[in-house]
Each structure stands twice: as C-alpha cells, then as structure tokens.
Amino acid sequence: MYRLKFDTTSYIANIDFVGMQREDQLQKLIVENKQFDENYLKNLKEISQNIKEFTKSENIVQSDKVVYQNSDGI
C-alpha cells in the first residue's frame, strides 16, 4: 500500500526521487575528489620543496641529465 501511494504521488508530482539521490551521490563524489586532489597537490608541493639539485662531482658521469636528491638522501 505504501509503495502504491509513493508511486502515485511521485507520478502526480512528477518528482524523480532516484535522480535526486543520484545527484546527491554525485555531489558527494565531487567533494571527495576535490579533497583528494587538494591533499595530493599539498603532498606534491611538500615533496618538491624537499628536493635539492645535486652538485656535479667526480663520482657523477657528465651528461645532459640532472639528478635530484630529497632530504632523505634518495
């Protein structure tokens, strides 16, 4: 009986409740992805700040490539 009332009311009011739920889920995913992207960029920025360029030494073969080292020595 409840389902019949719900379907009738939805039909009369022409409201798409499933579409509304999907829209809410989509908005949540957008927010989660934005937070993930912000965290990723923050971590990338922190890592890039810890990288310093190697100075050329006798142990490094001379080439056009540049070698980098982070604060951990990697």
C-alpha atoms as a PDB file:
ATOM      1  CA  MET A   1       0.000   0.000   0.000  1.00  0.00           C
ATOM      2  CA  TYR A   2       2.847   2.393   0.887  1.00  0.00           C
ATOM      3  CA  ARG A   3       4.589   1.704  -2.424  1.00  0.00           C
ATOM      4  CA  LEU A   4       1.355   2.396  -4.323  1.00  0.00           C
ATOM      5  CA  LYS A   5       0.918   5.737  -2.522  1.00  0.00           C
ATOM      6  CA  PHE A   6       4.564   6.620  -3.125  1.00  0.00           C
ATOM      7  CA  ASP A   7       4.400   5.733  -6.833  1.00  0.00           C
ATOM      8  CA  THR A   8       1.134   7.614  -7.296  1.00  0.00           C
ATOM      9  CA  THR A   9       2.410  10.701  -5.520  1.00  0.00           C
ATOM     10  CA  SER A  10       5.648  10.617  -7.478  1.00  0.00           C
ATOM     11  CA  TYR A  11       3.778  10.274 -10.741  1.00  0.00           C
ATOM     12  CA  ILE A  12       1.388  13.114  -9.952  1.00  0.00           C
ATOM     13  CA  ALA A  13       4.111  15.409  -8.671  1.00  0.00           C
ATOM     14  CA  ASN A  14       6.485  14.268 -11.459  1.00  0.00           C
ATOM     15  CA  ILE A  15       9.354  14.076  -8.979  1.00  0.00           C
ATOM     16  CA  ASP A  16      12.303  11.849  -9.766  1.00  0.00           C
ATOM     17  CA  PHE A  17      13.499  10.772  -6.307  1.00  0.00           C
ATOM     18  CA  VAL A  18      16.047   8.331  -7.739  1.00  0.00           C
ATOM     19  CA  GLY A  19      17.527  11.143  -9.814  1.00  0.00           C
ATOM     20  CA  MET A  20      17.703  13.337  -6.729  1.00  0.00           C
ATOM     21  CA  GLN A  21      19.546  10.603  -4.823  1.00  0.00           C
ATOM     22  CA  ARG A  22      21.979  10.180  -7.716  1.00  0.00           C
ATOM     23  CA  GLU A  23      22.557  13.933  -7.799  1.00  0.00           C
ATOM     24  CA  ASP A  24      23.353  13.893  -4.068  1.00  0.00           C
ATOM     25  CA  GLN A  25      25.780  10.994  -4.575  1.00  0.00           C
ATOM     26  CA  LEU A  26      27.420  12.837  -7.457  1.00  0.00           C
ATOM     27  CA  GLN A  27      27.874  15.962  -5.333  1.00  0.00           C
ATOM     28  CA  LYS A  28      29.474  13.878  -2.558  1.00  0.00           C
ATOM     29  CA  LEU A  29      31.879  12.310  -5.060  1.00  0.00           C
ATOM     30  CA  ILE A  30      32.808  15.732  -6.412  1.00  0.00           C
ATOM     31  CA  VAL A  31      33.603  16.977  -2.894  1.00  0.00           C
ATOM     32  CA  GLU A  32      35.610  13.828  -2.071  1.00  0.00           C
ATOM     33  CA  ASN A  33      37.593  14.100  -5.317  1.00  0.00           C
ATOM     34  CA  LYS A  34      38.278  17.773  -4.683  1.00  0.00           C
ATOM     35  CA  GLN A  35      39.599  16.982  -1.197  1.00  0.00           C
ATOM     36  CA  PHE A  36      41.722  14.137  -2.616  1.00  0.00           C
ATOM     37  CA  ASP A  37      43.157  16.453  -5.284  1.00  0.00           C
ATOM     38  CA  GLU A  38      43.914  19.155  -2.709  1.00  0.00           C
ATOM     39  CA  ASN A  39      45.711  16.645  -0.466  1.00  0.00           C
ATOM     40  CA  TYR A  40      47.627  15.254  -3.442  1.00  0.00           C
ATOM     41  CA  LEU A  41      48.785  18.720  -4.511  1.00  0.00           C
ATOM     42  CA  LYS A  42      49.724  19.593  -0.922  1.00  0.00           C
ATOM     43  CA  ASN A  43      51.837  16.427  -0.614  1.00  0.00           C
ATOM     44  CA  LEU A  44      53.408  17.026  -4.018  1.00  0.00           C
ATOM     45  CA  LYS A  45      54.309  20.573  -3.013  1.00  0.00           C
ATOM     46  CA  GLU A  46      55.868  19.385   0.269  1.00  0.00           C
ATOM     47  CA  ILE A  47      57.889  16.736  -1.532  1.00  0.00           C
ATOM     48  CA  SER A  48      59.075  19.129  -4.204  1.00  0.00           C
ATOM     49  CA  GLN A  49      60.246  21.589  -1.551  1.00  0.00           C
ATOM     50  CA  ASN A  50      62.432  18.870  -0.020  1.00  0.00           C
ATOM     51  CA  ILE A  51      64.214  18.138  -3.291  1.00  0.00           C
ATOM     52  CA  LYS A  52      67.514  19.807  -3.959  1.00  0.00           C
ATOM     53  CA  GLU A  53      69.682  19.596  -7.042  1.00  0.00           C
ATOM     54  CA  PHE A  54      72.879  17.547  -6.808  1.00  0.00           C
ATOM     55  CA  THR A  55      76.049  19.439  -7.414  1.00  0.00           C
ATOM     56  CA  LYS A  56      78.254  17.886 -10.045  1.00  0.00           C
ATOM     57  CA  SER A  57      81.062  15.844  -8.603  1.00  0.00           C
ATOM     58  CA  GLU A  58      83.709  13.438  -9.827  1.00  0.00           C
ATOM     59  CA  ASN A  59      81.508  10.435  -8.978  1.00  0.00           C
ATOM     60  CA  ILE A  60      78.737  11.515 -11.329  1.00  0.00           C
ATOM     61  CA  VAL A  61      79.179  10.913 -15.023  1.00  0.00           C
ATOM     62  CA  GLN A  62      78.884  14.114 -17.004  1.00  0.00           C
ATOM     63  CA  SER A  63      75.697  14.121 -19.077  1.00  0.00           C
ATOM     64  CA  ASP A  64      72.764  16.309 -20.006  1.00  0.00           C
ATOM     65  CA  LYS A  65      70.630  14.678 -17.278  1.00  0.00           C
ATOM     66  CA  VAL A  66      70.066  16.390 -13.937  1.00  0.00           C
ATOM     67  CA  VAL A  67      70.000  14.245 -10.789  1.00  0.00           C
ATOM     68  CA  TYR A  68      67.942  15.289  -7.749  1.00  0.00           C
ATOM     69  CA  GLN A  69      68.075  14.306  -4.104  1.00  0.00           C
ATOM     70  CA  ASN A  70      65.399  14.745  -1.438  1.00  0.00           C
ATOM     71  CA  SER A  71      66.000  15.445   2.252  1.00  0.00           C
ATOM     72  CA  ASP A  72      66.301  11.681   2.932  1.00  0.00           C
ATOM     73  CA  GLY A  73      69.238  11.404   0.551  1.00  0.00           C
ATOM     74  CA  ILE A  74      67.270   9.486  -2.061  1.00  0.00           C
END
